[in-house]
């Protein structure tokens, strides 16, 4: 048997050092604003982009990820328009969100942009663009049909795995 004092000490220690945690479930939306432009021609597959969370992420009415939190994403695919294929493609995912100097790895669905070439002005948007970037993100195709998401474009990523955040 353990002495009662040990249990009390362990309990107090876990209370002091074990901070409260909240888990963000899959399906949680994280809306970010790009710090700089990304594009099918100007970005490289495998490269990274910086962003800032623009809408607080809440669980049960409590803010878990505040607006202003830093986020880092990866450019999964950046394919410039090709004369043979004729299409440009851009695919982005979020990788980390930083809160109170702690970085949390996140798994998100990708934001995809696809621009059909050969004179067709067809675009498939898999994720929504919001806010100030909405007008520009939807119409940010240059004459050569490349995809460009300008700095300040807002993008919505959706968590595909739960993330536990220390409060």
N, C-alpha and C. Protein backbone atom coordinates (compact mmCIF):
# COMPACT_ATOMS: atom_id res chain seq x y z
N UNK A 1 0.83 -1.20 0.00
CA UNK A 1 0.00 0.00 0.00
C UNK A 1 0.86 1.25 0.00
N UNK A 2 0.38 2.26 -0.68
CA UNK A 2 1.09 3.53 -0.71
C UNK A 2 0.63 4.39 0.45
N UNK A 3 1.54 5.14 1.03
CA UNK A 3 1.11 6.06 2.09
C UNK A 3 0.16 7.11 1.51
N UNK A 4 -0.78 7.54 2.33
CA UNK A 4 -1.78 8.51 1.89
C UNK A 4 -1.12 9.81 1.43
N UNK A 5 -0.03 10.18 2.04
CA UNK A 5 0.68 11.42 1.67
C UNK A 5 1.16 11.37 0.22
N UNK A 6 1.59 10.21 -0.23
CA UNK A 6 2.08 10.09 -1.62
C UNK A 6 0.95 10.37 -2.61
N UNK A 7 -0.23 9.80 -2.35
CA UNK A 7 -1.36 10.01 -3.24
C UNK A 7 -1.75 11.48 -3.28
N UNK A 8 -1.79 12.11 -2.12
CA UNK A 8 -2.16 13.52 -2.05
C UNK A 8 -1.14 14.36 -2.81
N UNK A 9 0.15 14.02 -2.66
CA UNK A 9 1.20 14.77 -3.35
C UNK A 9 1.08 14.59 -4.86
N UNK A 10 0.84 13.36 -5.31
CA UNK A 10 0.70 13.09 -6.74
C UNK A 10 -0.49 13.85 -7.31
N UNK A 11 -1.58 13.88 -6.55
CA UNK A 11 -2.77 14.58 -6.99
C UNK A 11 -2.49 16.07 -7.12
N UNK A 12 -1.83 16.66 -6.13
CA UNK A 12 -1.51 18.09 -6.17
C UNK A 12 -0.57 18.39 -7.33
N UNK A 13 0.41 17.51 -7.55
CA UNK A 13 1.38 17.73 -8.63
C UNK A 13 0.68 17.70 -9.99
N UNK A 14 -0.20 16.73 -10.19
CA UNK A 14 -0.87 16.66 -11.49
C UNK A 14 -1.78 17.86 -11.68
N UNK A 15 -2.34 18.39 -10.58
CA UNK A 15 -3.20 19.57 -10.69
C UNK A 15 -2.36 20.79 -11.07
N UNK A 16 -1.16 20.91 -10.50
CA UNK A 16 -0.30 22.07 -10.78
C UNK A 16 0.26 21.98 -12.20
N UNK A 17 0.80 20.82 -12.57
CA UNK A 17 1.49 20.69 -13.85
C UNK A 17 0.57 20.23 -14.98
N UNK A 18 -0.47 19.50 -14.66
CA UNK A 18 -1.36 18.99 -15.70
C UNK A 18 -2.43 20.03 -16.03
N UNK A 19 -2.18 20.82 -17.06
CA UNK A 19 -3.15 21.86 -17.38
C UNK A 19 -4.37 21.24 -18.07
N UNK A 20 -5.42 22.03 -18.14
CA UNK A 20 -6.66 21.60 -18.77
C UNK A 20 -6.43 21.39 -20.26
N UNK A 21 -7.09 20.42 -20.83
CA UNK A 21 -6.96 20.16 -22.26
C UNK A 21 -8.33 20.12 -22.91
N UNK A 22 -8.36 20.56 -24.15
CA UNK A 22 -9.60 20.50 -24.93
C UNK A 22 -9.25 19.85 -26.26
N UNK A 23 -10.10 18.94 -26.71
CA UNK A 23 -9.86 18.27 -27.98
C UNK A 23 -10.78 18.86 -29.05
N UNK A 24 -10.16 19.27 -30.15
CA UNK A 24 -10.92 19.74 -31.31
C UNK A 24 -11.25 18.50 -32.14
N UNK A 25 -12.53 18.24 -32.40
CA UNK A 25 -12.90 17.03 -33.12
C UNK A 25 -12.69 17.16 -34.64
N UNK A 26 -12.61 16.02 -35.33
CA UNK A 26 -12.57 16.06 -36.80
C UNK A 26 -13.79 16.84 -37.29
N UNK A 27 -13.62 17.56 -38.38
CA UNK A 27 -14.70 18.36 -38.93
C UNK A 27 -14.65 19.81 -38.47
N UNK A 28 -13.79 20.10 -37.48
CA UNK A 28 -13.64 21.48 -37.01
C UNK A 28 -13.01 22.32 -38.10
N UNK A 29 -13.61 23.48 -38.39
CA UNK A 29 -13.09 24.38 -39.42
C UNK A 29 -12.06 25.33 -38.82
N UNK A 30 -10.95 25.50 -39.52
CA UNK A 30 -9.91 26.46 -39.13
C UNK A 30 -9.76 27.43 -40.31
N UNK A 31 -10.15 28.69 -40.09
CA UNK A 31 -10.09 29.69 -41.15
C UNK A 31 -8.83 30.53 -40.96
N UNK A 32 -8.00 30.57 -42.00
CA UNK A 32 -6.75 31.31 -41.93
C UNK A 32 -6.65 32.31 -43.08
N UNK A 33 -5.78 33.31 -42.88
CA UNK A 33 -5.50 34.29 -43.93
C UNK A 33 -4.02 34.15 -44.30
N UNK A 34 -3.76 34.00 -45.60
CA UNK A 34 -2.38 33.80 -46.08
C UNK A 34 -1.52 35.02 -45.79
N UNK A 35 -0.27 34.78 -45.34
CA UNK A 35 0.67 35.87 -45.08
C UNK A 35 1.29 36.36 -46.38
N UNK A 36 1.41 35.47 -47.37
CA UNK A 36 1.96 35.86 -48.67
C UNK A 36 1.26 35.05 -49.75
N UNK A 37 1.43 35.49 -50.98
CA UNK A 37 0.76 34.83 -52.10
C UNK A 37 1.31 33.42 -52.33
N UNK A 38 0.44 32.51 -52.75
CA UNK A 38 0.84 31.19 -53.21
C UNK A 38 0.19 30.97 -54.57
N UNK A 39 0.83 30.19 -55.42
CA UNK A 39 0.28 29.99 -56.74
C UNK A 39 0.82 28.77 -57.43
N UNK A 40 0.12 28.36 -58.47
CA UNK A 40 0.49 27.16 -59.21
C UNK A 40 1.86 27.30 -59.87
N UNK A 41 2.23 28.53 -60.23
CA UNK A 41 3.53 28.74 -60.87
C UNK A 41 4.55 29.31 -59.89
N UNK A 42 4.10 30.17 -58.97
CA UNK A 42 5.07 30.84 -58.12
C UNK A 42 5.46 30.03 -56.89
N UNK A 43 4.74 28.97 -56.55
CA UNK A 43 5.06 28.13 -55.40
C UNK A 43 5.58 26.78 -55.86
N UNK A 44 6.35 26.14 -54.98
CA UNK A 44 6.89 24.82 -55.31
C UNK A 44 6.19 23.76 -54.49
N UNK A 45 5.90 22.62 -55.11
CA UNK A 45 5.33 21.49 -54.37
C UNK A 45 6.28 21.15 -53.23
N UNK A 46 5.74 20.92 -52.04
CA UNK A 46 6.57 20.59 -50.89
C UNK A 46 6.98 21.82 -50.09
N UNK A 47 6.76 23.01 -50.65
CA UNK A 47 7.10 24.24 -49.95
C UNK A 47 6.09 24.52 -48.84
N UNK A 48 6.35 25.58 -48.08
CA UNK A 48 5.48 25.93 -46.97
C UNK A 48 4.92 27.33 -47.13
N UNK A 49 3.86 27.61 -46.40
CA UNK A 49 3.29 28.95 -46.37
C UNK A 49 2.90 29.28 -44.93
N UNK A 50 2.93 30.57 -44.61
CA UNK A 50 2.53 31.04 -43.28
C UNK A 50 1.15 31.64 -43.38
N UNK A 51 0.40 31.55 -42.28
CA UNK A 51 -0.94 32.10 -42.24
C UNK A 51 -1.27 32.47 -40.80
N UNK A 52 -2.35 33.23 -40.66
CA UNK A 52 -2.84 33.63 -39.35
C UNK A 52 -4.30 33.19 -39.24
N UNK A 53 -4.66 32.61 -38.09
CA UNK A 53 -6.06 32.23 -37.85
C UNK A 53 -6.89 33.51 -37.77
N UNK A 54 -7.98 33.59 -38.54
CA UNK A 54 -8.79 34.81 -38.57
C UNK A 54 -10.13 34.68 -37.86
N UNK A 55 -10.57 33.46 -37.60
CA UNK A 55 -11.81 33.25 -36.85
C UNK A 55 -11.51 32.37 -35.66
N UNK A 56 -11.90 32.80 -34.46
CA UNK A 56 -11.65 31.95 -33.29
C UNK A 56 -12.30 30.58 -33.46
N UNK A 57 -11.59 29.54 -33.03
CA UNK A 57 -12.13 28.18 -33.06
C UNK A 57 -12.65 27.90 -31.65
N UNK A 58 -13.92 27.56 -31.54
CA UNK A 58 -14.56 27.37 -30.24
C UNK A 58 -15.04 25.94 -30.05
N UNK A 59 -15.02 25.50 -28.78
CA UNK A 59 -15.61 24.23 -28.39
C UNK A 59 -16.52 24.54 -27.21
N UNK A 60 -17.79 24.20 -27.32
CA UNK A 60 -18.78 24.47 -26.27
C UNK A 60 -18.76 25.94 -25.84
N UNK A 61 -18.64 26.84 -26.80
CA UNK A 61 -18.69 28.26 -26.51
C UNK A 61 -17.40 28.85 -25.96
N UNK A 62 -16.37 28.03 -25.79
CA UNK A 62 -15.09 28.51 -25.26
C UNK A 62 -14.06 28.58 -26.38
N UNK A 63 -13.35 29.71 -26.48
CA UNK A 63 -12.34 29.87 -27.53
C UNK A 63 -11.14 28.99 -27.20
N UNK A 64 -10.82 28.08 -28.12
CA UNK A 64 -9.68 27.18 -27.95
C UNK A 64 -8.51 27.68 -28.78
N UNK A 65 -8.78 28.13 -30.00
CA UNK A 65 -7.75 28.71 -30.86
C UNK A 65 -8.20 30.14 -31.17
N UNK A 66 -7.51 31.15 -30.61
CA UNK A 66 -7.94 32.53 -30.83
C UNK A 66 -7.56 33.04 -32.21
N UNK A 67 -8.29 34.06 -32.66
CA UNK A 67 -7.88 34.76 -33.88
C UNK A 67 -6.49 35.32 -33.61
N UNK A 68 -5.64 35.31 -34.62
CA UNK A 68 -4.28 35.81 -34.46
C UNK A 68 -3.26 34.72 -34.22
N UNK A 69 -3.71 33.48 -33.94
CA UNK A 69 -2.77 32.37 -33.77
C UNK A 69 -2.04 32.13 -35.09
N UNK A 70 -0.78 31.77 -35.00
CA UNK A 70 0.01 31.51 -36.21
C UNK A 70 -0.25 30.09 -36.70
N UNK A 71 -0.24 29.93 -38.02
CA UNK A 71 -0.42 28.62 -38.63
C UNK A 71 0.64 28.45 -39.72
N UNK A 72 1.03 27.22 -39.94
CA UNK A 72 1.99 26.91 -41.00
C UNK A 72 1.38 25.81 -41.84
N UNK A 73 1.46 25.97 -43.15
CA UNK A 73 0.90 24.98 -44.05
C UNK A 73 1.92 24.51 -45.06
N UNK A 74 1.54 23.47 -45.78
CA UNK A 74 2.42 22.89 -46.81
C UNK A 74 1.71 22.93 -48.15
N UNK A 75 2.48 23.21 -49.18
CA UNK A 75 1.97 23.18 -50.55
C UNK A 75 2.16 21.75 -51.04
N UNK A 76 1.07 20.99 -51.03
CA UNK A 76 1.13 19.58 -51.41
C UNK A 76 1.42 19.46 -52.90
N UNK A 77 0.77 20.31 -53.67
CA UNK A 77 0.95 20.26 -55.12
C UNK A 77 0.81 21.65 -55.71
N UNK A 78 1.79 22.03 -56.53
CA UNK A 78 1.72 23.28 -57.27
C UNK A 78 2.14 22.95 -58.69
N UNK A 79 1.16 22.87 -59.58
CA UNK A 79 1.42 22.47 -60.97
C UNK A 79 1.07 23.64 -61.88
N UNK A 80 2.10 24.26 -62.50
CA UNK A 80 1.78 25.35 -63.42
C UNK A 80 1.08 24.82 -64.66
N UNK A 81 0.41 25.73 -65.35
CA UNK A 81 -0.28 25.33 -66.58
C UNK A 81 0.76 24.77 -67.56
N UNK A 82 0.40 23.70 -68.20
CA UNK A 82 1.28 23.01 -69.12
C UNK A 82 0.61 23.02 -70.50
N UNK A 83 1.38 23.25 -71.51
CA UNK A 83 0.78 23.29 -72.86
C UNK A 83 0.17 21.97 -73.27
N UNK A 84 0.73 20.86 -72.75
CA UNK A 84 0.18 19.56 -73.10
C UNK A 84 -1.06 19.25 -72.27
N UNK A 85 -0.93 19.35 -70.95
CA UNK A 85 -2.08 19.07 -70.08
C UNK A 85 -3.06 20.22 -70.08
N UNK A 86 -2.51 21.44 -70.12
CA UNK A 86 -3.36 22.61 -70.21
C UNK A 86 -4.01 23.04 -68.91
N UNK A 87 -3.75 22.36 -67.79
CA UNK A 87 -4.41 22.71 -66.54
C UNK A 87 -3.38 23.09 -65.49
N UNK A 88 -3.78 24.02 -64.62
CA UNK A 88 -2.97 24.39 -63.47
C UNK A 88 -3.66 23.85 -62.23
N UNK A 89 -2.85 23.47 -61.22
CA UNK A 89 -3.42 22.90 -60.00
C UNK A 89 -2.65 23.38 -58.79
N UNK A 90 -3.38 23.60 -57.70
CA UNK A 90 -2.78 24.03 -56.44
C UNK A 90 -3.51 23.31 -55.31
N UNK A 91 -2.73 22.67 -54.42
CA UNK A 91 -3.34 21.95 -53.30
C UNK A 91 -2.56 22.26 -52.03
N UNK A 92 -3.27 22.73 -50.99
CA UNK A 92 -2.66 23.17 -49.74
C UNK A 92 -3.25 22.42 -48.55
N UNK A 93 -2.43 22.18 -47.51
CA UNK A 93 -2.92 21.64 -46.24
C UNK A 93 -2.28 22.43 -45.11
N UNK A 94 -2.94 22.48 -43.96
CA UNK A 94 -2.33 23.04 -42.76
C UNK A 94 -1.53 21.95 -42.07
N UNK A 95 -0.40 22.33 -41.46
CA UNK A 95 0.42 21.35 -40.74
C UNK A 95 0.50 21.65 -39.24
N UNK A 96 0.63 22.93 -38.87
CA UNK A 96 0.73 23.27 -37.45
C UNK A 96 -0.02 24.56 -37.13
N UNK A 97 -0.47 24.63 -35.89
CA UNK A 97 -1.05 25.85 -35.34
C UNK A 97 -0.29 26.11 -34.05
N UNK A 98 0.14 27.36 -33.82
CA UNK A 98 0.92 27.70 -32.64
C UNK A 98 0.11 28.57 -31.68
N UNK A 99 0.04 28.12 -30.42
CA UNK A 99 -0.68 28.83 -29.36
C UNK A 99 0.21 28.90 -28.13
N UNK A 100 0.36 30.07 -27.56
CA UNK A 100 1.16 30.23 -26.33
C UNK A 100 2.51 29.52 -26.43
N UNK A 101 3.20 29.71 -27.53
CA UNK A 101 4.52 29.12 -27.79
C UNK A 101 4.51 27.60 -27.92
N UNK A 102 3.35 26.98 -27.98
CA UNK A 102 3.25 25.54 -28.23
C UNK A 102 2.73 25.31 -29.63
N UNK A 103 3.43 24.47 -30.40
CA UNK A 103 2.98 24.14 -31.75
C UNK A 103 2.22 22.82 -31.70
N UNK A 104 1.09 22.80 -32.38
CA UNK A 104 0.27 21.59 -32.45
C UNK A 104 0.21 21.12 -33.90
N UNK A 105 0.57 19.85 -34.10
CA UNK A 105 0.46 19.27 -35.44
C UNK A 105 -1.01 19.04 -35.74
N UNK A 106 -1.43 19.42 -36.92
CA UNK A 106 -2.82 19.21 -37.32
C UNK A 106 -2.86 18.45 -38.64
N UNK A 107 -3.90 17.66 -38.80
CA UNK A 107 -4.18 16.96 -40.06
C UNK A 107 -5.45 17.59 -40.61
N UNK A 108 -5.37 18.14 -41.82
CA UNK A 108 -6.55 18.78 -42.39
C UNK A 108 -6.84 18.26 -43.79
N UNK A 109 -8.06 18.49 -44.21
CA UNK A 109 -8.40 18.25 -45.61
C UNK A 109 -7.64 19.30 -46.41
N UNK A 110 -7.47 19.05 -47.68
CA UNK A 110 -6.74 20.01 -48.50
C UNK A 110 -7.69 21.03 -49.11
N UNK A 111 -7.14 22.22 -49.37
CA UNK A 111 -7.84 23.23 -50.15
C UNK A 111 -7.27 23.07 -51.56
N UNK A 112 -8.15 22.83 -52.53
CA UNK A 112 -7.72 22.56 -53.90
C UNK A 112 -8.23 23.63 -54.85
N UNK A 113 -7.38 24.03 -55.77
CA UNK A 113 -7.78 24.92 -56.85
C UNK A 113 -7.31 24.26 -58.15
N UNK A 114 -8.19 24.24 -59.12
CA UNK A 114 -7.89 23.62 -60.41
C UNK A 114 -8.34 24.56 -61.50
N UNK A 115 -7.48 24.86 -62.43
CA UNK A 115 -7.83 25.76 -63.52
C UNK A 115 -7.64 25.03 -64.84
N UNK A 116 -8.75 24.82 -65.53
CA UNK A 116 -8.73 24.16 -66.83
C UNK A 116 -8.06 25.08 -67.84
N UNK A 117 -7.24 24.54 -68.68
CA UNK A 117 -6.55 25.34 -69.69
C UNK A 117 -7.32 25.40 -70.99
N UNK A 118 -6.63 25.69 -72.06
CA UNK A 118 -7.16 25.73 -73.42
C UNK A 118 -8.35 26.65 -73.57
N UNK A 119 -8.23 27.84 -72.96
CA UNK A 119 -9.26 28.85 -73.18
C UNK A 119 -10.52 28.68 -72.36
N UNK A 120 -10.69 27.55 -71.71
CA UNK A 120 -11.88 27.37 -70.87
C UNK A 120 -11.65 28.10 -69.56
N UNK A 121 -12.66 28.75 -69.09
CA UNK A 121 -12.52 29.52 -67.85
C UNK A 121 -13.25 28.78 -66.72
N UNK A 122 -12.97 27.48 -66.60
CA UNK A 122 -13.64 26.66 -65.61
C UNK A 122 -12.71 26.50 -64.41
N UNK A 123 -13.25 26.68 -63.21
CA UNK A 123 -12.46 26.45 -62.00
C UNK A 123 -13.28 25.60 -61.05
N UNK A 124 -12.63 24.66 -60.41
CA UNK A 124 -13.29 23.84 -59.42
C UNK A 124 -12.76 24.26 -58.07
N UNK A 125 -13.64 24.70 -57.17
CA UNK A 125 -13.24 25.07 -55.83
C UNK A 125 -13.75 24.01 -54.87
N UNK A 126 -12.82 23.35 -54.19
CA UNK A 126 -13.20 22.30 -53.26
C UNK A 126 -13.43 22.88 -51.87
N UNK A 127 -12.74 23.98 -51.56
CA UNK A 127 -12.94 24.64 -50.26
C UNK A 127 -13.28 26.09 -50.51
N UNK A 128 -13.96 26.69 -49.56
CA UNK A 128 -14.45 28.06 -49.76
C UNK A 128 -13.37 29.08 -49.46
N UNK A 129 -13.42 30.20 -50.14
CA UNK A 129 -12.57 31.34 -49.82
C UNK A 129 -13.50 32.39 -49.25
N UNK A 130 -13.06 33.05 -48.19
CA UNK A 130 -13.93 33.98 -47.49
C UNK A 130 -13.31 35.36 -47.40
N UNK A 131 -14.09 36.30 -46.90
CA UNK A 131 -13.59 37.60 -46.50
C UNK A 131 -12.98 38.39 -47.63
N UNK A 132 -11.96 39.19 -47.26
CA UNK A 132 -11.32 40.08 -48.22
C UNK A 132 -10.74 39.35 -49.40
N UNK A 133 -10.35 38.09 -49.21
CA UNK A 133 -9.75 37.35 -50.30
C UNK A 133 -10.77 36.73 -51.24
N UNK A 134 -12.04 36.78 -50.89
CA UNK A 134 -13.04 36.06 -51.69
C UNK A 134 -13.10 36.56 -53.12
N UNK A 135 -13.16 37.85 -53.29
CA UNK A 135 -13.25 38.39 -54.65
C UNK A 135 -11.99 38.13 -55.44
N UNK A 136 -10.85 38.32 -54.80
CA UNK A 136 -9.59 38.15 -55.52
C UNK A 136 -9.24 36.69 -55.70
N UNK A 137 -9.50 35.86 -54.68
CA UNK A 137 -9.13 34.45 -54.79
C UNK A 137 -9.90 33.78 -55.91
N UNK A 138 -11.16 34.15 -56.08
CA UNK A 138 -11.98 33.54 -57.12
C UNK A 138 -11.64 34.02 -58.50
N UNK A 139 -11.03 35.19 -58.60
CA UNK A 139 -10.75 35.77 -59.91
C UNK A 139 -9.27 36.04 -60.12
N UNK A 140 -8.43 35.31 -59.40
CA UNK A 140 -7.00 35.61 -59.44
C UNK A 140 -6.27 34.80 -60.50
N UNK A 141 -6.82 34.71 -61.66
CA UNK A 141 -6.16 33.99 -62.75
C UNK A 141 -5.53 35.00 -63.68
N UNK A 142 -4.26 34.78 -63.99
CA UNK A 142 -3.61 35.68 -64.92
C UNK A 142 -4.00 35.26 -66.33
N UNK A 143 -3.56 36.02 -67.29
CA UNK A 143 -3.93 35.74 -68.68
C UNK A 143 -3.51 34.33 -69.10
N UNK A 144 -2.43 33.82 -68.49
CA UNK A 144 -1.99 32.49 -68.90
C UNK A 144 -2.62 31.38 -68.06
N UNK A 145 -3.71 31.69 -67.34
CA UNK A 145 -4.52 30.71 -66.62
C UNK A 145 -3.81 30.05 -65.45
N UNK A 146 -2.84 30.73 -64.84
CA UNK A 146 -2.22 30.21 -63.63
C UNK A 146 -3.12 30.52 -62.44
N UNK A 147 -2.97 29.77 -61.37
CA UNK A 147 -3.75 30.00 -60.16
C UNK A 147 -2.88 30.79 -59.19
N UNK A 148 -3.40 31.89 -58.67
CA UNK A 148 -2.70 32.67 -57.66
C UNK A 148 -3.69 33.01 -56.55
N UNK A 149 -3.33 32.68 -55.32
CA UNK A 149 -4.09 33.11 -54.15
C UNK A 149 -3.26 34.22 -53.52
N UNK A 150 -3.71 35.46 -53.61
CA UNK A 150 -2.91 36.59 -53.12
C UNK A 150 -2.76 36.57 -51.60
N UNK A 151 -1.75 37.29 -51.10
CA UNK A 151 -1.61 37.49 -49.66
C UNK A 151 -2.94 38.03 -49.15
N UNK A 152 -3.28 37.68 -47.95
CA UNK A 152 -4.54 38.10 -47.30
C UNK A 152 -5.75 37.27 -47.74
N UNK A 153 -5.58 36.32 -48.66
CA UNK A 153 -6.70 35.44 -49.02
C UNK A 153 -7.06 34.59 -47.81
N UNK A 154 -8.35 34.44 -47.54
CA UNK A 154 -8.81 33.60 -46.43
C UNK A 154 -9.20 32.23 -46.97
N UNK A 155 -8.76 31.19 -46.28
CA UNK A 155 -9.04 29.81 -46.68
C UNK A 155 -9.56 29.03 -45.48
N UNK A 156 -10.45 28.09 -45.73
CA UNK A 156 -10.99 27.25 -44.66
C UNK A 156 -10.42 25.84 -44.81
N UNK A 157 -9.75 25.37 -43.74
CA UNK A 157 -9.27 24.00 -43.68
C UNK A 157 -10.12 23.26 -42.65
N UNK A 158 -10.35 21.97 -42.85
CA UNK A 158 -11.15 21.17 -41.94
C UNK A 158 -10.29 20.08 -41.33
N UNK A 159 -10.31 19.98 -40.01
CA UNK A 159 -9.53 18.92 -39.34
C UNK A 159 -10.05 17.55 -39.75
N UNK A 160 -9.13 16.64 -40.06
CA UNK A 160 -9.52 15.28 -40.39
C UNK A 160 -9.19 14.34 -39.22
N UNK A 161 -8.38 14.80 -38.26
CA UNK A 161 -8.03 14.06 -37.06
C UNK A 161 -8.23 14.97 -35.86
N UNK A 162 -8.55 14.41 -34.67
CA UNK A 162 -8.70 15.26 -33.48
C UNK A 162 -7.36 15.87 -33.08
N UNK A 163 -7.41 17.05 -32.44
CA UNK A 163 -6.21 17.72 -31.93
C UNK A 163 -6.50 18.13 -30.49
N UNK A 164 -5.62 17.74 -29.58
CA UNK A 164 -5.78 18.10 -28.17
C UNK A 164 -4.93 19.32 -27.87
N UNK A 165 -5.57 20.38 -27.39
CA UNK A 165 -4.92 21.67 -27.11
C UNK A 165 -4.86 21.86 -25.60
N UNK A 166 -3.69 22.28 -25.10
CA UNK A 166 -3.55 22.63 -23.68
C UNK A 166 -4.13 24.01 -23.46
N UNK A 167 -4.95 24.15 -22.44
CA UNK A 167 -5.56 25.46 -22.14
C UNK A 167 -4.81 26.14 -21.01
